[in-house]
PDB file of N, CA and C in Angstrom:
ATOM      1  N   MET A   1     123.299  72.389  61.016  1.00  0.00           N
ATOM      2  CA  MET A   1     122.666  73.087  62.122  1.00  0.00           C
ATOM      3  C   MET A   1     123.487  74.321  62.436  1.00  0.00           C
ATOM      4  N   GLN A   2     122.818  75.442  62.583  1.00  0.00           N
ATOM      5  CA  GLN A   2     123.499  76.698  62.836  1.00  0.00           C
ATOM      6  C   GLN A   2     123.238  77.130  64.269  1.00  0.00           C
ATOM      7  N   VAL A   3     124.296  77.534  64.948  1.00  0.00           N
ATOM      8  CA  VAL A   3     124.188  77.978  66.323  1.00  0.00           C
ATOM      9  C   VAL A   3     124.338  79.486  66.353  1.00  0.00           C
ATOM     10  N   SER A   4     123.405  80.145  66.983  1.00  0.00           N
ATOM     11  CA  SER A   4     123.449  81.597  67.074  1.00  0.00           C
ATOM     12  C   SER A   4     124.097  81.998  68.381  1.00  0.00           C
ATOM     13  N   THR A   5     125.067  82.898  68.314  1.00  0.00           N
ATOM     14  CA  THR A   5     125.703  83.425  69.515  1.00  0.00           C
ATOM     15  C   THR A   5     125.520  84.924  69.533  1.00  0.00           C
ATOM     16  N   SER A   6     125.366  85.470  70.715  1.00  0.00           N
ATOM     17  CA  SER A   6     125.195  86.916  70.813  1.00  0.00           C
ATOM     18  C   SER A   6     126.551  87.588  70.901  1.00  0.00           C
ATOM     19  N   VAL A   7     126.656  88.740  70.319  1.00  0.00           N
ATOM     20  CA  VAL A   7     127.891  89.497  70.304  1.00  0.00           C
ATOM     21  C   VAL A   7     127.890  90.439  71.491  1.00  0.00           C
ATOM     22  N   GLY A   8     129.006  90.496  72.193  1.00  0.00           N
ATOM     23  CA  GLY A   8     129.130  91.423  73.316  1.00  0.00           C
ATOM     24  C   GLY A   8     128.296  91.018  74.511  1.00  0.00           C
ATOM     25  N   THR A   9     128.338  89.763  74.898  1.00  0.00           N
ATOM     26  CA  THR A   9     127.555  89.311  76.050  1.00  0.00           C
ATOM     27  C   THR A   9     128.139  89.869  77.328  1.00  0.00           C
ATOM     28  N   ASP A  10     127.282  90.070  78.286  1.00  0.00           N
ATOM     29  CA  ASP A  10     127.688  90.591  79.582  1.00  0.00           C
ATOM     30  C   ASP A  10     128.084  89.421  80.462  1.00  0.00           C
ATOM     31  N   THR A  11     129.344  89.390  80.892  1.00  0.00           N
ATOM     32  CA  THR A  11     129.814  88.252  81.689  1.00  0.00           C
ATOM     33  C   THR A  11     129.214  88.272  83.084  1.00  0.00           C
ATOM     34  N   LYS A  12     128.874  89.451  83.613  1.00  0.00           N
ATOM     35  CA  LYS A  12     128.270  89.529  84.942  1.00  0.00           C
ATOM     36  C   LYS A  12     126.889  88.871  84.955  1.00  0.00           C
ATOM     37  N   ALA A  13     126.100  89.099  83.905  1.00  0.00           N
ATOM     38  CA  ALA A  13     124.750  88.525  83.841  1.00  0.00           C
ATOM     39  C   ALA A  13     124.809  87.012  83.695  1.00  0.00           C
ATOM     40  N   GLN A  14     125.828  86.503  83.025  1.00  0.00           N
ATOM     41  CA  GLN A  14     125.931  85.055  82.855  1.00  0.00           C
ATOM     42  C   GLN A  14     126.346  84.366  84.141  1.00  0.00           C
ATOM     43  N   GLY A  15     127.220  84.984  84.907  1.00  0.00           N
ATOM     44  CA  GLY A  15     127.744  84.342  86.105  1.00  0.00           C
ATOM     45  C   GLY A  15     126.907  84.577  87.338  1.00  0.00           C
ATOM     46  N   ASP A  16     126.034  85.568  87.341  1.00  0.00           N
ATOM     47  CA  ASP A  16     125.239  85.903  88.515  1.00  0.00           C
ATOM     48  C   ASP A  16     123.989  85.037  88.564  1.00  0.00           C
ATOM     49  N   THR A  17     123.965  84.064  89.465  1.00  0.00           N
ATOM     50  CA  THR A  17     122.806  83.174  89.588  1.00  0.00           C
ATOM     51  C   THR A  17     121.911  83.559  90.756  1.00  0.00           C
ATOM     52  N   ASN A  18     122.242  84.619  91.474  1.00  0.00           N
ATOM     53  CA  ASN A  18     121.460  85.027  92.644  1.00  0.00           C
ATOM     54  C   ASN A  18     120.495  86.159  92.337  1.00  0.00           C
ATOM     55  N   GLN A  19     120.097  86.310  91.092  1.00  0.00           N
ATOM     56  CA  GLN A  19     119.138  87.350  90.754  1.00  0.00           C
ATOM     57  C   GLN A  19     117.744  86.917  91.197  1.00  0.00           C
ATOM     58  N   PRO A  20     116.972  87.862  91.757  1.00  0.00           N
ATOM     59  CA  PRO A  20     115.621  87.497  92.208  1.00  0.00           C
ATOM     60  C   PRO A  20     114.699  87.203  91.026  1.00  0.00           C
ATOM     61  N   VAL A  21     113.739  86.338  91.262  1.00  0.00           N
ATOM     62  CA  VAL A  21     112.769  85.990  90.229  1.00  0.00           C
ATOM     63  C   VAL A  21     111.825  87.161  89.987  1.00  0.00           C
ATOM     64  N   PHE A  22     111.439  87.858  91.054  1.00  0.00           N
ATOM     65  CA  PHE A  22     110.543  88.999  90.956  1.00  0.00           C
ATOM     66  C   PHE A  22     111.306  90.265  91.322  1.00  0.00           C
ATOM     67  N   PRO A  23     110.924  91.390  90.736  1.00  0.00           N
ATOM     68  CA  PRO A  23     111.548  92.648  91.146  1.00  0.00           C
ATOM     69  C   PRO A  23     111.267  92.928  92.615  1.00  0.00           C
ATOM     70  N   VAL A  24     112.100  93.738  93.220  1.00  0.00           N
ATOM     71  CA  VAL A  24     111.962  94.052  94.642  1.00  0.00           C
ATOM     72  C   VAL A  24     110.598  94.692  94.885  1.00  0.00           C
ATOM     73  N   GLY A  25     109.898  94.208  95.889  1.00  0.00           N
ATOM     74  CA  GLY A  25     108.593  94.746  96.244  1.00  0.00           C
ATOM     75  C   GLY A  25     107.423  94.134  95.496  1.00  0.00           C
ATOM     76  N   GLN A  26     107.645  93.165  94.640  1.00  0.00           N
ATOM     77  CA  GLN A  26     106.564  92.591  93.844  1.00  0.00           C
ATOM     78  C   GLN A  26     106.104  91.221  94.357  1.00  0.00           C
ATOM     79  N   MET A  27     106.724  90.720  95.403  1.00  0.00           N
ATOM     80  CA  MET A  27     106.366  89.400  95.916  1.00  0.00           C
ATOM     81  C   MET A  27     104.941  89.379  96.472  1.00  0.00           C
ATOM     82  N   LEU A  28     104.524  90.442  97.142  1.00  0.00           N
ATOM     83  CA  LEU A  28     103.165  90.508  97.678  1.00  0.00           C
ATOM     84  C   LEU A  28     102.145  90.494  96.545  1.00  0.00           C
ATOM     85  N   LEU A  29     102.400  91.253  95.502  1.00  0.00           N
ATOM     86  CA  LEU A  29     101.499  91.284  94.353  1.00  0.00           C
ATOM     87  C   LEU A  29     101.397  89.910  93.697  1.00  0.00           C
ATOM     88  N   PHE A  30     102.533  89.250  93.526  1.00  0.00           N
ATOM     89  CA  PHE A  30     102.524  87.904  92.948  1.00  0.00           C
ATOM     90  C   PHE A  30     101.730  86.942  93.824  1.00  0.00           C
ATOM     91  N   SER A  31     101.897  87.038  95.133  1.00  0.00           N
ATOM     92  CA  SER A  31     101.169  86.155  96.055  1.00  0.00           C
ATOM     93  C   SER A  31      99.665  86.397  95.975  1.00  0.00           C
ATOM     94  N   LEU A  32      99.251  87.660  95.912  1.00  0.00           N
ATOM     95  CA  LEU A  32      97.825  87.971  95.834  1.00  0.00           C
ATOM     96  C   LEU A  32      97.203  87.451  94.540  1.00  0.00           C
ATOM     97  N   VAL A  33      97.902  87.614  93.425  1.00  0.00           N
ATOM     98  CA  VAL A  33      97.377  87.120  92.150  1.00  0.00           C
ATOM     99  C   VAL A  33      97.317  85.597  92.151  1.00  0.00           C
ATOM    100  N   THR A  34      98.318  84.945  92.741  1.00  0.00           N
ATOM    101  CA  THR A  34      98.311  83.486  92.825  1.00  0.00           C
ATOM    102  C   THR A  34      97.129  82.994  93.655  1.00  0.00           C
ATOM    103  N   VAL A  35      96.880  83.629  94.791  1.00  0.00           N
ATOM    104  CA  VAL A  35      95.738  83.251  95.634  1.00  0.00           C
ATOM    105  C   VAL A  35      94.428  83.510  94.900  1.00  0.00           C
ATOM    106  N   LEU A  36      94.355  84.624  94.168  1.00  0.00           N
ATOM    107  CA  LEU A  36      93.154  84.949  93.402  1.00  0.00           C
ATOM    108  C   LEU A  36      92.826  83.854  92.402  1.00  0.00           C
ATOM    109  N   PHE A  37      93.817  83.423  91.621  1.00  0.00           N
ATOM    110  CA  PHE A  37      93.558  82.391  90.626  1.00  0.00           C
ATOM    111  C   PHE A  37      93.283  81.036  91.278  1.00  0.00           C
ATOM    112  N   PHE A  38      93.888  80.778  92.434  1.00  0.00           N
ATOM    113  CA  PHE A  38      93.573  79.547  93.159  1.00  0.00           C
ATOM    114  C   PHE A  38      92.110  79.541  93.583  1.00  0.00           C
ATOM    115  N   LEU A  39      91.623  80.674  94.111  1.00  0.00           N
ATOM    116  CA  LEU A  39      90.226  80.741  94.549  1.00  0.00           C
ATOM    117  C   LEU A  39      89.264  80.644  93.376  1.00  0.00           C
ATOM    118  N   TRP A  40      89.587  81.296  92.247  1.00  0.00           N
ATOM    119  CA  TRP A  40      88.737  81.177  91.062  1.00  0.00           C
ATOM    120  C   TRP A  40      88.704  79.737  90.556  1.00  0.00           C
ATOM    121  N   GLY A  41      89.848  79.083  90.554  1.00  0.00           N
ATOM    122  CA  GLY A  41      89.900  77.686  90.104  1.00  0.00           C
ATOM    123  C   GLY A  41      89.138  76.763  91.040  1.00  0.00           C
ATOM    124  N   MET A  42      89.268  77.014  92.341  1.00  0.00           N
ATOM    125  CA  MET A  42      88.562  76.179  93.312  1.00  0.00           C
ATOM    126  C   MET A  42      87.044  76.338  93.161  1.00  0.00           C
ATOM    127  N   SER A  43      86.593  77.570  92.995  1.00  0.00           N
ATOM    128  CA  SER A  43      85.157  77.772  92.838  1.00  0.00           C
ATOM    129  C   SER A  43      84.661  77.187  91.518  1.00  0.00           C
ATOM    130  N   ASN A  44      85.497  77.201  90.508  1.00  0.00           N
ATOM    131  CA  ASN A  44      85.123  76.596  89.229  1.00  0.00           C
ATOM    132  C   ASN A  44      84.954  75.084  89.375  1.00  0.00           C
ATOM    133  N   ASN A  45      85.821  74.465  90.170  1.00  0.00           N
ATOM    134  CA  ASN A  45      85.710  73.019  90.385  1.00  0.00           C
ATOM    135  C   ASN A  45      84.510  72.658  91.263  1.00  0.00           C
ATOM    136  N   LEU A  46      84.039  73.592  92.066  1.00  0.00           N
ATOM    137  CA  LEU A  46      82.863  73.324  92.897  1.00  0.00           C
ATOM    138  C   LEU A  46      81.573  73.272  92.075  1.00  0.00           C
ATOM    139  N   THR A  47      81.632  73.734  90.834  1.00  0.00           N
ATOM    140  CA  THR A  47      80.446  73.702  89.982  1.00  0.00           C
ATOM    141  C   THR A  47      79.953  72.276  89.785  1.00  0.00           C
ATOM    142  N   ASP A  48      80.864  71.325  89.616  1.00  0.00           N
ATOM    143  CA  ASP A  48      80.456  69.930  89.435  1.00  0.00           C
ATOM    144  C   ASP A  48      79.716  69.396  90.657  1.00  0.00           C
ATOM    145  N   ILE A  49      80.164  69.791  91.831  1.00  0.00           N
ATOM    146  CA  ILE A  49      79.494  69.362  93.062  1.00  0.00           C
ATOM    147  C   ILE A  49      78.108  69.999  93.151  1.00  0.00           C
ATOM    148  N   LEU A  50      78.013  71.278  92.774  1.00  0.00           N
ATOM    149  CA  LEU A  50      76.712  71.953  92.788  1.00  0.00           C
ATOM    150  C   LEU A  50      75.727  71.301  91.821  1.00  0.00           C
ATOM    151  N   VAL A  51      76.227  70.883  90.665  1.00  0.00           N
ATOM    152  CA  VAL A  51      75.346  70.239  89.682  1.00  0.00           C
ATOM    153  C   VAL A  51      74.720  68.988  90.292  1.00  0.00           C
ATOM    154  N   GLN A  52      75.505  68.190  90.964  1.00  0.00           N
ATOM    155  CA  GLN A  52      74.973  66.967  91.567  1.00  0.00           C
ATOM    156  C   GLN A  52      73.985  67.275  92.683  1.00  0.00           C
ATOM    157  N   GLN A  53      74.260  68.321  93.469  1.00  0.00           N
ATOM    158  CA  GLN A  53      73.335  68.682  94.541  1.00  0.00           C
ATOM    159  C   GLN A  53      72.027  69.248  93.978  1.00  0.00           C
ATOM    160  N   PHE A  54      72.116  70.052  92.925  1.00  0.00           N
ATOM    161  CA  PHE A  54      70.891  70.546  92.279  1.00  0.00           C
ATOM    162  C   PHE A  54      70.081  69.385  91.715  1.00  0.00           C
ATOM    163  N   ARG A  55      70.758  68.425  91.168  1.00  0.00           N
ATOM    164  CA  ARG A  55      70.068  67.279  90.575  1.00  0.00           C
ATOM    165  C   ARG A  55      69.281  66.506  91.636  1.00  0.00           C
ATOM    166  N   LYS A  56      69.900  66.315  92.805  1.00  0.00           N
ATOM    167  CA  LYS A  56      69.207  65.602  93.886  1.00  0.00           C
ATOM    168  C   LYS A  56      68.091  66.454  94.495  1.00  0.00           C
ATOM    169  N   SER A  57      68.391  67.722  94.773  1.00  0.00           N
ATOM    170  CA  SER A  57      67.434  68.577  95.479  1.00  0.00           C
ATOM    171  C   SER A  57      66.205  68.900  94.642  1.00  0.00           C
ATOM    172  N   PHE A  58      66.401  69.173  93.374  1.00  0.00           N
ATOM    173  CA  PHE A  58      65.299  69.596  92.523  1.00  0.00           C
ATOM    174  C   PHE A  58      64.781  68.492  91.617  1.00  0.00           C
ATOM    175  N   GLU A  59      65.269  67.270  91.804  1.00  0.00           N
ATOM    176  CA  GLU A  59      64.857  66.106  91.021  1.00  0.00           C
ATOM    177  C   GLU A  59      64.943  66.390  89.527  1.00  0.00           C
ATOM    178  N   LEU A  60      66.127  66.819  89.109  1.00  0.00           N
ATOM    179  CA  LEU A  60      66.358  67.158  87.703  1.00  0.00           C
ATOM    180  C   LEU A  60      66.859  65.942  86.939  1.00  0.00           C
ATOM    181  N   SER A  61      66.593  65.933  85.656  1.00  0.00           N
ATOM    182  CA  SER A  61      67.179  64.903  84.805  1.00  0.00           C
ATOM    183  C   SER A  61      68.655  65.240  84.600  1.00  0.00           C
ATOM    184  N   THR A  62      69.399  64.300  84.054  1.00  0.00           N
ATOM    185  CA  THR A  62      70.823  64.516  83.811  1.00  0.00           C
ATOM    186  C   THR A  62      71.025  65.683  82.842  1.00  0.00           C
ATOM    187  N   PHE A  63      70.197  65.748  81.816  1.00  0.00           N
ATOM    188  CA  PHE A  63      70.303  66.836  80.838  1.00  0.00           C
ATOM    189  C   PHE A  63      70.041  68.188  81.500  1.00  0.00           C
ATOM    190  N   SER A  64      68.996  68.269  82.295  1.00  0.00           N
ATOM    191  CA  SER A  64      68.661  69.529  82.952  1.00  0.00           C
ATOM    192  C   SER A  64      69.745  69.948  83.939  1.00  0.00           C
ATOM    193  N   ALA A  65      70.315  68.988  84.629  1.00  0.00           N
ATOM    194  CA  ALA A  65      71.369  69.311  85.589  1.00  0.00           C
ATOM    195  C   ALA A  65      72.617  69.828  84.881  1.00  0.00           C
ATOM    196  N   GLN A  66      72.916  69.308  83.707  1.00  0.00           N
ATOM    197  CA  GLN A  66      74.094  69.770  82.984  1.00  0.00           C
ATOM    198  C   GLN A  66      73.901  71.156  82.398  1.00  0.00           C
ATOM    199  N   LEU A  67      72.674  71.615  82.320  1.00  0.00           N
ATOM    200  CA  LEU A  67      72.442  72.991  81.882  1.00  0.00           C
ATOM    201  C   LEU A  67      73.018  73.998  82.880  1.00  0.00           C
ATOM    202  N   VAL A  68      73.165  73.597  84.145  1.00  0.00           N
ATOM    203  CA  VAL A  68      73.788  74.469  85.146  1.00  0.00           C
ATOM    204  C   VAL A  68      75.246  74.713  84.762  1.00  0.00           C
ATOM    205  N   SER A  69      75.970  73.658  84.413  1.00  0.00           N
ATOM    206  CA  SER A  69      77.362  73.816  83.966  1.00  0.00           C
ATOM    207  C   SER A  69      77.436  74.596  82.671  1.00  0.00           C
ATOM    208  N   THR A  70      76.479  74.338  81.781  1.00  0.00           N
ATOM    209  CA  THR A  70      76.459  75.068  80.517  1.00  0.00           C
ATOM    210  C   THR A  70      76.261  76.554  80.760  1.00  0.00           C
ATOM    211  N   ALA A  71      75.391  76.917  81.674  1.00  0.00           N
ATOM    212  CA  ALA A  71      75.166  78.333  81.995  1.00  0.00           C
ATOM    213  C   ALA A  71      76.427  78.957  82.586  1.00  0.00           C
ATOM    214  N   ASN A  72      77.125  78.204  83.421  1.00  0.00           N
ATOM    215  CA  ASN A  72      78.356  78.707  84.021  1.00  0.00           C
ATOM    216  C   ASN A  72      79.398  79.018  82.946  1.00  0.00           C
ATOM    217  N   PHE A  73      79.632  78.086  82.046  1.00  0.00           N
ATOM    218  CA  PHE A  73      80.665  78.289  81.039  1.00  0.00           C
ATOM    219  C   PHE A  73      80.205  79.220  79.917  1.00  0.00           C
ATOM    220  N   THR A  74      78.910  79.392  79.740  1.00  0.00           N
ATOM    221  CA  THR A  74      78.418  80.386  78.792  1.00  0.00           C
ATOM    222  C   THR A  74      78.745  81.788  79.294  1.00  0.00           C
ATOM    223  N   GLY A  75      78.753  81.952  80.597  1.00  0.00           N
ATOM    224  CA  GLY A  75      79.171  83.230  81.173  1.00  0.00           C
ATOM    225  C   GLY A  75      80.603  83.568  80.809  1.00  0.00           C
ATOM    226  N   TYR A  76      81.496  82.587  80.842  1.00  0.00           N
ATOM    227  CA  TYR A  76      82.879  82.817  80.413  1.00  0.00           C
ATOM    228  C   TYR A  76      82.916  83.214  78.935  1.00  0.00           C
ATOM    229  N   PHE A  77      82.118  82.551  78.123  1.00  0.00           N
ATOM    230  CA  PHE A  77      82.087  82.835  76.687  1.00  0.00           C
ATOM    231  C   PHE A  77      81.584  84.249  76.421  1.00  0.00           C
ATOM    232  N   CYS A  78      80.516  84.630  77.110  1.00  0.00           N
ATOM    233  CA  CYS A  78      79.904  85.945  76.861  1.00  0.00           C
ATOM    234  C   CYS A  78      80.742  87.099  77.411  1.00  0.00           C
ATOM    235  N   MET A  79      81.486  86.869  78.472  1.00  0.00           N
ATOM    236  CA  MET A  79      82.221  87.962  79.103  1.00  0.00           C
ATOM    237  C   MET A  79      83.663  88.087  78.625  1.00  0.00           C
ATOM    238  N   ALA A  80      84.136  87.208  77.755  1.00  0.00           N
ATOM    239  CA  ALA A  80      85.537  87.249  77.335  1.00  0.00           C
ATOM    240  C   ALA A  80      85.870  88.539  76.591  1.00  0.00           C
ATOM    241  N   ILE A  81      85.071  88.907  75.620  1.00  0.00           N
ATOM    242  CA  ILE A  81      85.369  90.114  74.836  1.00  0.00           C
ATOM    243  C   ILE A  81      85.155  91.383  75.659  1.00  0.00           C
ATOM    244  N   PRO A  82      84.051  91.523  76.426  1.00  0.00           N
ATOM    245  CA  PRO A  82      83.950  92.731  77.270  1.00  0.00           C
ATOM    246  C   PRO A  82      85.100  92.844  78.279  1.00  0.00           C
ATOM    247  N   ALA A  83      85.534  91.722  78.848  1.00  0.00           N
ATOM    248  CA  ALA A  83      86.656  91.766  79.788  1.00  0.00           C
ATOM    249  C   ALA A  83      87.937  92.197  79.089  1.00  0.00           C
ATOM    250  N   ALA A  84      88.152  91.717  77.880  1.00  0.00           N
ATOM    251  CA  ALA A  84      89.340  92.117  77.124  1.00  0.00           C
ATOM    252  C   ALA A  84      89.303  93.609  76.812  1.00  0.00           C
ATOM    253  N   LEU A  85      88.134  94.139  76.490  1.00  0.00           N
ATOM    254  CA  LEU A  85      88.021  95.571  76.209  1.00  0.00           C
ATOM    255  C   LEU A  85      88.273  96.413  77.461  1.00  0.00           C
ATOM    256  N   VAL A  86      87.777  95.950  78.603  1.00  0.00           N
ATOM    257  CA  VAL A  86      88.031  96.655  79.866  1.00  0.00           C
ATOM    258  C   VAL A  86      89.520  96.665  80.169  1.00  0.00           C
ATOM    259  N   MET A  87      90.171  95.514  80.007  1.00  0.00           N
ATOM    260  CA  MET A  87      91.598  95.441  80.310  1.00  0.00           C
ATOM    261  C   MET A  87      92.432  96.252  79.331  1.00  0.00           C
ATOM    262  N   ARG A  88      92.013  96.306  78.085  1.00  0.00           N
ATOM    263  CA  ARG A  88      92.757  97.102  77.107  1.00  0.00           C
ATOM    264  C   ARG A  88      92.646  98.594  77.432  1.00  0.00           C
ATOM    265  N   ARG A  89      91.461  99.004  77.883  1.00  0.00           N
ATOM    266  CA  ARG A  89      91.255 100.435  78.142  1.00  0.00           C
ATOM    267  C   ARG A  89      91.802 100.871  79.495  1.00  0.00           C
ATOM    268  N   TRP A  90      91.529 100.087  80.569  1.00  0.00           N
ATOM    269  CA  TRP A  90      91.889 100.516  81.916  1.00  0.00           C
ATOM    270  C   TRP A  90      92.977  99.678  82.571  1.00  0.00           C
ATOM    271  N   GLY A  91      93.403  98.586  81.980  1.00  0.00           N
ATOM    272  CA  GLY A  91      94.505  97.803  82.533  1.00  0.00           C
ATOM    273  C   GLY A  91      94.038  96.519  83.219  1.00  0.00           C
ATOM    274  N   TYR A  92      95.032  95.682  83.507  1.00  0.00           N
ATOM    275  CA  TYR A  92      94.751  94.371  84.102  1.00  0.00           C
ATOM    276  C   TYR A  92      94.257  94.479  85.534  1.00  0.00           C
ATOM    277  N   LYS A  93      94.776  95.447  86.275  1.00  0.00           N
ATOM    278  CA  LYS A  93      94.360  95.594  87.668  1.00  0.00           C
ATOM    279  C   LYS A  93      92.865  95.887  87.760  1.00  0.00           C
ATOM    280  N   THR A  94      92.390  96.809  86.947  1.00  0.00           N
ATOM    281  CA  THR A  94      90.966  97.127  86.928  1.00  0.00           C
ATOM    282  C   THR A  94      90.142  95.938  86.467  1.00  0.00           C
ATOM    283  N   GLY A  95      90.660  95.197  85.487  1.00  0.00           N
ATOM    284  CA  GLY A  95      89.961  94.011  85.011  1.00  0.00           C
ATOM    285  C   GLY A  95      89.818  92.959  86.090  1.00  0.00           C
ATOM    286  N   MET A  96      90.881  92.762  86.883  1.00  0.00           N
ATOM    287  CA  MET A  96      90.806  91.774  87.967  1.00  0.00           C
ATOM    288  C   MET A  96      89.849  92.226  89.064  1.00  0.00           C
ATOM    289  N   VAL A  97      89.881  93.508  89.388  1.00  0.00           N
ATOM    290  CA  VAL A  97      88.974  94.020  90.428  1.00  0.00           C
ATOM    291  C   VAL A  97      87.525  93.904  89.962  1.00  0.00           C
ATOM    292  N   MET A  98      87.272  94.231  88.695  1.00  0.00           N
ATOM    293  CA  MET A  98      85.906  94.077  88.171  1.00  0.00           C
ATOM    294  C   MET A  98      85.480  92.608  88.183  1.00  0.00           C
ATOM    295  N   GLY A  99      86.396  91.715  87.824  1.00  0.00           N
ATOM    296  CA  GLY A  99      86.087  90.284  87.864  1.00  0.00           C
ATOM    297  C   GLY A  99      85.743  89.825  89.269  1.00  0.00           C
ATOM    298  N   LEU A 100      86.504  90.301  90.249  1.00  0.00           N
ATOM    299  CA  LEU A 100      86.211  89.945  91.639  1.00  0.00           C
ATOM    300  C   LEU A 100      84.862  90.495  92.086  1.00  0.00           C
ATOM    301  N   CYS A 101      84.559  91.726  91.672  1.00  0.00           N
ATOM    302  CA  CYS A 101      83.263  92.316  92.046  1.00  0.00           C
ATOM    303  C   CYS A 101      82.101  91.541  91.425  1.00  0.00           C
ATOM    304  N   LEU A 102      82.229  91.188  90.155  1.00  0.00           N
ATOM    305  CA  LEU A 102      81.177  90.386  89.503  1.00  0.00           C
ATOM    306  C   LEU A 102      81.051  89.013  90.156  1.00  0.00           C
ATOM    307  N   PHE A 103      82.191  88.424  90.499  1.00  0.00           N
ATOM    308  CA  PHE A 103      82.187  87.124  91.174  1.00  0.00           C
ATOM    309  C   PHE A 103      81.496  87.236  92.526  1.00  0.00           C
ATOM    310  N   GLY A 104      81.796  88.293  93.271  1.00  0.00           N
ATOM    311  CA  GLY A 104      81.161  88.498  94.576  1.00  0.00           C
ATOM    312  C   GLY A 104      79.657  88.703  94.453  1.00  0.00           C
ATOM    313  N   CYS A 105      79.244  89.473  93.432  1.00  0.00           N
ATOM    314  CA  CYS A 105      77.803  89.677  93.217  1.00  0.00           C
ATOM    315  C   CYS A 105      77.110  88.363  92.878  1.00  0.00           C
ATOM    316  N   GLY A 106      77.763  87.534  92.082  1.00  0.00           N
ATOM    317  CA  GLY A 106      77.200  86.222  91.762  1.00  0.00           C
ATOM    318  C   GLY A 106      77.100  85.327  92.983  1.00  0.00           C
ATOM    319  N   MET A 107      78.077  85.422  93.873  1.00  0.00           N
ATOM    320  CA  MET A 107      78.035  84.610  95.094  1.00  0.00           C
ATOM    321  C   MET A 107      76.926  85.071  96.024  1.00  0.00           C
ATOM    322  N   ILE A 108      76.667  86.371  96.057  1.00  0.00           N
ATOM    323  CA  ILE A 108      75.581  86.890  96.896  1.00  0.00           C
ATOM    324  C   ILE A 108      74.228  86.368  96.405  1.00  0.00           C
ATOM    325  N   LEU A 109      74.097  86.144  95.106  1.00  0.00           N
ATOM    326  CA  LEU A 109      72.843  85.603  94.574  1.00  0.00           C
ATOM    327  C   LEU A 109      72.549  84.200  95.109  1.00  0.00           C
ATOM    328  N   PHE A 110      73.590  83.482  95.541  1.00  0.00           N
ATOM    329  CA  PHE A 110      73.408  82.141  96.099  1.00  0.00           C
ATOM    330  C   PHE A 110      73.307  82.145  97.620  1.00  0.00           C
ATOM    331  N   TRP A 111      73.109  83.320  98.212  1.00  0.00           N
ATOM    332  CA  TRP A 111      72.971  83.410  99.668  1.00  0.00           C
ATOM    333  C   TRP A 111      71.728  82.631 100.101  1.00  0.00           C
ATOM    334  N   PRO A 112      71.872  81.724 101.077  1.00  0.00           N
ATOM    335  CA  PRO A 112      70.721  80.918 101.493  1.00  0.00           C
ATOM    336  C   PRO A 112      69.641  81.781 102.154  1.00  0.00           C
ATOM    337  N   ARG A 113      68.393  81.496 101.808  1.00  0.00           N
ATOM    338  CA  ARG A 113      67.263  82.242 102.382  1.00  0.00           C
ATOM    339  C   ARG A 113      66.407  81.280 103.199  1.00  0.00           C
ATOM    340  N   ARG A 114      65.677  81.818 104.111  1.00  0.00           N
ATOM    341  CA  ARG A 114      64.805  80.982 104.951  1.00  0.00           C
ATOM    342  C   ARG A 114      63.458  80.814 104.349  1.00  0.00           C
TER     343      ARG A 114
END
């Protein structure tokens, strides 16, 4: 077994354990992204509850009700490459904002009507 050692190591970097995890001023950004992914994950988990409610409300068969989940995850499949192209061209920030806008538009489509 061979052990690799680095030549000319910095003793200050090895002994300093009080370095921040995030660069100064980036904690707010990290918190916002964490909350964003929490909300996306939570809404994704609500899909299973919606499937059961659609099944009861519209008297759907099990197969028909699962088509709701299939449509949801087909959206992820269809939008993966366009989202990657947007992020490659304009960056991750623009990609996240576009994702939030599309998510908001989709939520407006489920606005209850009288």
